[in-house]
Amino acid sequence: MSPEVLQYCSRAVIRYLNGDMILFLQYVDKAMELYEEEKKKERLYITIEELIDFATKEKLLSLIAKGG
């Protein structure tokens, strides 16, 4: 979670404790929006290791070890 999301969460908690429900909801919405964007961006970067199963990985490693 980014510092920006944590900042909005902290602001939301403070506004909730102060009784300002309008700003509380605005900060919660903004934090959720930023968090969802982060999650989308995070999943765009998938390593090849995550895409192949263990057996295929072992076969590739043995091919590399044999030199071809």
Protein backbone atom coordinates (compact mmCIF):
# COMPACT_ATOMS: atom_id res chain seq x y z
CA MET A 1 0.00 0.00 0.00
CA SER A 2 1.41 3.36 -1.00
CA PRO A 3 2.02 6.23 1.40
CA GLU A 4 -0.68 8.22 -0.40
CA VAL A 5 -3.31 5.57 0.33
CA LEU A 6 -2.22 5.39 3.96
CA GLN A 7 -2.41 9.17 4.17
CA TYR A 8 -6.04 9.17 3.00
CA CYS A 9 -6.85 6.33 5.41
CA SER A 10 -5.33 8.30 8.29
CA ARG A 11 -7.24 11.40 7.32
CA ALA A 12 -10.44 9.36 7.15
CA VAL A 13 -9.92 7.99 10.66
CA ILE A 14 -9.29 11.47 12.07
CA ARG A 15 -12.37 12.88 10.34
CA TYR A 16 -14.48 9.97 11.62
CA LEU A 17 -13.28 10.56 15.19
CA ASN A 18 -14.09 14.27 14.80
CA GLY A 19 -17.59 13.41 13.58
CA ASP A 20 -17.15 14.81 10.07
CA MET A 21 -18.83 11.99 8.14
CA ILE A 22 -18.85 13.81 4.79
CA LEU A 23 -15.08 14.22 4.66
CA PHE A 24 -14.64 10.76 6.17
CA LEU A 25 -16.54 9.19 3.27
CA GLN A 26 -14.69 11.31 0.71
CA TYR A 27 -11.31 10.21 2.09
CA VAL A 28 -12.38 6.57 2.23
CA ASP A 29 -13.57 6.73 -1.38
CA LYS A 30 -10.31 8.34 -2.51
CA ALA A 31 -8.21 5.79 -0.61
CA MET A 32 -10.17 2.90 -2.12
CA GLU A 33 -9.87 4.39 -5.62
CA LEU A 34 -6.09 4.76 -5.30
CA TYR A 35 -5.75 1.29 -3.79
CA GLU A 36 -7.71 -0.32 -6.64
CA GLU A 37 -5.51 1.49 -9.20
CA GLU A 38 -2.41 0.19 -7.43
CA LYS A 39 -3.72 -3.36 -7.49
CA LYS A 40 -4.38 -3.15 -11.24
CA LYS A 41 -0.89 -1.83 -11.94
CA GLU A 42 0.68 -4.40 -9.65
CA ARG A 43 -0.82 -7.31 -11.56
CA LEU A 44 0.43 -6.02 -14.91
CA TYR A 45 3.92 -7.15 -14.01
CA ILE A 46 3.95 -10.93 -13.87
CA THR A 47 7.21 -12.81 -14.00
CA ILE A 48 7.65 -15.79 -16.28
CA GLU A 49 8.33 -17.87 -13.20
CA GLU A 50 4.76 -17.22 -12.04
CA LEU A 51 3.35 -18.40 -15.37
CA ILE A 52 5.05 -21.79 -15.63
CA ASP A 53 4.54 -24.81 -13.41
CA PHE A 54 7.25 -26.58 -11.43
CA ALA A 55 7.71 -29.47 -13.90
CA THR A 56 8.25 -27.13 -16.85
CA LYS A 57 10.66 -25.05 -14.81
CA GLU A 58 12.67 -28.16 -13.94
CA LYS A 59 12.79 -29.19 -17.62
CA LEU A 60 14.06 -25.75 -18.62
CA LEU A 61 16.71 -25.82 -15.91
CA SER A 62 17.90 -29.26 -17.01
CA LEU A 63 18.12 -28.06 -20.63
CA ILE A 64 20.19 -25.09 -19.54
CA ALA A 65 22.43 -27.31 -17.44
CA LYS A 66 23.01 -29.67 -20.42
CA GLY A 67 23.83 -26.73 -22.64
CA GLY A 68 21.02 -26.95 -25.10
